[in-house]
């Protein structure tokens, strides 16, 4: 296999990878991307090649530049990044959460000639993690009633009685508010930390 065929072969391999691949020169100019990069970022290769990688507005890169005062990329000083979670802005303005790895590229003399970065789109995974966390909070909240904690059947009945009593027509006619019901519960040692809303 000659060098030209080998380059074509590697281009096919890189384009078949599901992770985005970007190669930049030492100044951060994008010199090569694969198809997955185009899909993740929304930038066609013809539009992004020759542009600075800062056009992607990667959150971890911006933080690193602020904290370290680096001229544009802390990764060139470190030599690599591993499993860095960050967000970048797609061409259409949407934010995408990615997991990226990066490493400098050196020639045979050890001179840095650029860097390669791979990125995995984890936006859907992050959304699912958020939903799971929200469900956890909701399930935890089911065991609480105005600061009182209890999951037993007896405590559930107490919660229901308080809620029903405070909202009943009789309670309103007698001028009994949730606060007064709450105060009675305090008197009998059934109160929690928080006061109910009136």
Protein backbone atom coordinates (compact mmCIF):
# COMPACT_ATOMS: atom_id res chain seq x y z
CA UNK A 1 0.00 0.00 0.00
CA UNK A 2 1.55 3.32 -1.02
CA UNK A 3 1.44 6.52 1.05
CA UNK A 4 -1.46 8.02 -0.94
CA UNK A 5 -3.59 4.89 -0.46
CA UNK A 6 -2.67 4.79 3.22
CA UNK A 7 -3.80 8.41 3.71
CA UNK A 8 -7.10 7.68 1.95
CA UNK A 9 -7.52 4.56 4.12
CA UNK A 10 -6.95 6.54 7.35
CA UNK A 11 -9.36 9.27 6.23
CA UNK A 12 -12.04 6.56 5.76
CA UNK A 13 -11.27 5.09 9.19
CA UNK A 14 -11.38 8.47 10.94
CA UNK A 15 -14.64 9.41 9.19
CA UNK A 16 -16.27 6.18 10.38
CA UNK A 17 -15.49 6.88 14.05
CA UNK A 18 -18.55 7.94 16.09
CA UNK A 19 -16.55 10.45 18.15
CA UNK A 20 -15.71 13.86 16.73
CA UNK A 21 -12.05 14.29 15.81
CA UNK A 22 -10.38 17.67 15.37
CA UNK A 23 -6.74 18.43 14.60
CA UNK A 24 -5.31 21.91 15.21
CA UNK A 25 -1.93 23.47 14.53
CA UNK A 26 0.12 25.02 17.39
CA UNK A 27 -1.79 28.29 17.01
CA UNK A 28 -5.16 26.57 17.43
CA UNK A 29 -6.17 26.78 13.78
CA UNK A 30 -8.36 23.83 12.80
CA UNK A 31 -6.66 21.84 10.05
CA UNK A 32 -8.79 18.68 9.96
CA UNK A 33 -12.11 17.34 11.27
CA UNK A 34 -14.11 14.17 10.70
CA UNK A 35 -17.81 13.67 9.92
CA UNK A 36 -18.78 13.08 13.55
CA UNK A 37 -17.25 16.46 14.44
CA UNK A 38 -19.45 18.06 11.76
CA UNK A 39 -22.54 16.34 13.21
CA UNK A 40 -21.74 17.27 16.81
CA UNK A 41 -20.86 20.92 16.12
CA UNK A 42 -23.07 21.62 13.09
CA UNK A 43 -20.08 23.09 11.24
CA UNK A 44 -19.31 21.62 7.80
CA UNK A 45 -15.58 20.99 7.37
CA UNK A 46 -15.33 23.54 4.52
CA UNK A 47 -16.62 26.23 6.87
CA UNK A 48 -14.59 25.42 9.98
CA UNK A 49 -11.19 24.54 8.48
CA UNK A 50 -8.76 27.44 8.84
CA UNK A 51 -10.74 28.92 11.77
CA UNK A 52 -9.59 29.06 15.38
CA UNK A 53 -10.83 26.31 17.67
CA UNK A 54 -11.98 29.11 20.01
CA UNK A 55 -14.97 29.51 17.63
CA UNK A 56 -16.46 26.47 19.39
CA UNK A 57 -16.70 28.42 22.69
CA UNK A 58 -15.74 25.35 24.73
CA UNK A 59 -16.47 26.04 28.41
CA UNK A 60 -13.43 24.22 29.81
CA UNK A 61 -11.08 26.05 27.43
CA UNK A 62 -12.51 29.42 28.46
CA UNK A 63 -12.14 28.58 32.17
CA UNK A 64 -8.56 27.36 31.67
CA UNK A 65 -7.63 30.56 29.85
CA UNK A 66 -9.13 32.70 32.62
CA UNK A 67 -7.51 30.77 35.48
CA UNK A 68 -4.07 30.29 33.99
CA UNK A 69 -3.74 33.39 31.85
CA UNK A 70 -2.66 31.13 29.00
CA UNK A 71 -2.46 32.83 25.62
CA UNK A 72 -5.08 30.49 24.17
CA UNK A 73 -4.78 26.81 25.22
CA UNK A 74 -3.57 25.28 28.45
CA UNK A 75 -3.54 21.83 26.81
CA UNK A 76 -0.35 22.66 24.89
CA UNK A 77 1.39 23.34 28.20
CA UNK A 78 0.03 20.18 29.89
CA UNK A 79 0.47 17.90 26.88
CA UNK A 80 -2.94 16.24 27.15
CA UNK A 81 -6.43 16.33 28.60
CA UNK A 82 -8.36 13.26 29.63
CA UNK A 83 -12.13 12.83 29.99
CA UNK A 84 -12.75 16.57 30.23
CA UNK A 85 -16.48 17.31 30.49
CA UNK A 86 -17.48 20.61 28.95
CA UNK A 87 -20.03 22.32 26.77
CA UNK A 88 -19.58 23.93 23.39
CA UNK A 89 -21.81 26.04 21.20
CA UNK A 90 -22.97 24.55 17.91
CA UNK A 91 -23.24 26.60 14.73
CA UNK A 92 -27.02 26.88 15.29
CA UNK A 93 -26.44 28.32 18.78
CA UNK A 94 -27.48 25.25 20.75
CA UNK A 95 -25.26 24.08 23.58
CA UNK A 96 -23.88 20.54 23.43
CA UNK A 97 -22.27 18.73 26.36
CA UNK A 98 -19.21 16.74 25.37
CA UNK A 99 -16.59 14.54 26.92
CA UNK A 100 -13.25 15.26 25.32
CA UNK A 101 -9.74 13.91 25.25
CA UNK A 102 -6.83 15.79 23.70
CA UNK A 103 -3.13 15.31 23.16
CA UNK A 104 -0.32 17.26 21.54
CA UNK A 105 1.17 15.88 18.33
CA UNK A 106 4.98 15.90 18.07
CA UNK A 107 7.26 15.22 15.15
CA UNK A 108 10.21 12.81 15.27
CA UNK A 109 12.39 15.54 16.85
CA UNK A 110 9.89 16.07 19.69
CA UNK A 111 8.71 19.43 18.35
CA UNK A 112 5.00 20.10 18.90
CA UNK A 113 3.32 20.33 15.51
CA UNK A 114 -0.28 20.51 16.69
CA UNK A 115 -2.86 18.71 18.76
CA UNK A 116 -5.67 16.22 18.27
CA UNK A 117 -8.92 16.24 20.15
CA UNK A 118 -11.69 13.68 20.29
CA UNK A 119 -15.15 14.56 21.54
CA UNK A 120 -18.12 12.41 22.50
CA UNK A 121 -21.57 14.02 22.55
CA UNK A 122 -23.07 13.25 25.97
CA UNK A 123 -25.94 15.76 25.80
CA UNK A 124 -28.62 13.05 25.94
CA UNK A 125 -26.86 11.33 28.83
CA UNK A 126 -26.70 14.59 30.81
CA UNK A 127 -30.41 15.22 30.15
CA UNK A 128 -31.23 11.74 31.45
CA UNK A 129 -29.04 12.27 34.54
CA UNK A 130 -30.94 15.51 35.20
CA UNK A 131 -34.31 13.77 34.86
CA UNK A 132 -33.21 10.99 37.22
CA UNK A 133 -32.04 13.57 39.78
CA UNK A 134 -35.38 15.40 39.49
CA UNK A 135 -37.26 12.12 40.03
CA UNK A 136 -35.11 11.44 43.10
CA UNK A 137 -35.99 14.84 44.51
CA UNK A 138 -39.68 14.32 43.80
CA UNK A 139 -39.63 10.91 45.47
CA UNK A 140 -37.84 12.39 48.47
CA UNK A 141 -40.41 15.19 48.65
CA UNK A 142 -43.27 12.67 48.83
CA UNK A 143 -42.10 11.82 52.34
CA UNK A 144 -42.36 15.46 53.48
CA UNK A 145 -45.26 17.70 54.40
CA UNK A 146 -44.51 21.32 55.38
CA UNK A 147 -41.22 20.33 56.98
CA UNK A 148 -42.58 17.18 58.64
CA UNK A 149 -40.92 13.97 57.58
CA UNK A 150 -42.63 10.61 57.54
CA UNK A 151 -43.33 7.81 55.13
CA UNK A 152 -45.38 5.50 57.32
CA UNK A 153 -49.07 4.95 56.68
CA UNK A 154 -49.91 6.65 59.98
CA UNK A 155 -47.97 9.81 59.08
CA UNK A 156 -49.57 9.86 55.62
CA UNK A 157 -52.99 9.84 57.28
CA UNK A 158 -51.92 12.74 59.53
CA UNK A 159 -50.71 14.70 56.48
CA UNK A 160 -54.00 14.06 54.68
CA UNK A 161 -56.07 15.04 57.72
CA UNK A 162 -54.18 18.30 58.18
CA UNK A 163 -54.49 19.17 54.50
CA UNK A 164 -58.20 18.33 54.39
CA UNK A 165 -58.99 20.08 57.66
CA UNK A 166 -57.20 23.26 56.64
CA UNK A 167 -58.99 23.37 53.26
CA UNK A 168 -62.47 22.46 54.44
CA UNK A 169 -65.42 24.85 54.35
CA UNK A 170 -65.93 24.34 58.08
CA UNK A 171 -62.35 25.43 58.80
CA UNK A 172 -62.78 28.54 56.64
CA UNK A 173 -66.13 29.39 58.30
CA UNK A 174 -64.62 28.98 61.74
CA UNK A 175 -61.60 31.04 60.71
CA UNK A 176 -59.24 28.12 61.15
CA UNK A 177 -56.24 28.56 58.90
CA UNK A 178 -53.44 26.17 58.04
CA UNK A 179 -51.31 28.12 60.50
CA UNK A 180 -53.70 27.50 63.37
CA UNK A 181 -53.85 23.78 62.49
CA UNK A 182 -50.06 23.84 62.39
CA UNK A 183 -49.90 25.48 65.82
CA UNK A 184 -52.17 22.79 67.24
CA UNK A 185 -49.91 20.13 65.79
CA UNK A 186 -46.92 21.86 67.42
CA UNK A 187 -48.74 21.77 70.73
CA UNK A 188 -49.08 17.97 70.42
CA UNK A 189 -45.50 17.50 69.27
CA UNK A 190 -46.37 16.63 65.66
CA UNK A 191 -44.75 19.62 63.96
CA UNK A 192 -41.66 19.69 61.76
CA UNK A 193 -39.19 22.40 60.94
CA UNK A 194 -41.11 24.62 58.56
CA UNK A 195 -44.27 26.68 58.87
CA UNK A 196 -47.04 26.06 56.35
CA UNK A 197 -48.05 28.71 53.85
CA UNK A 198 -51.30 30.46 54.76
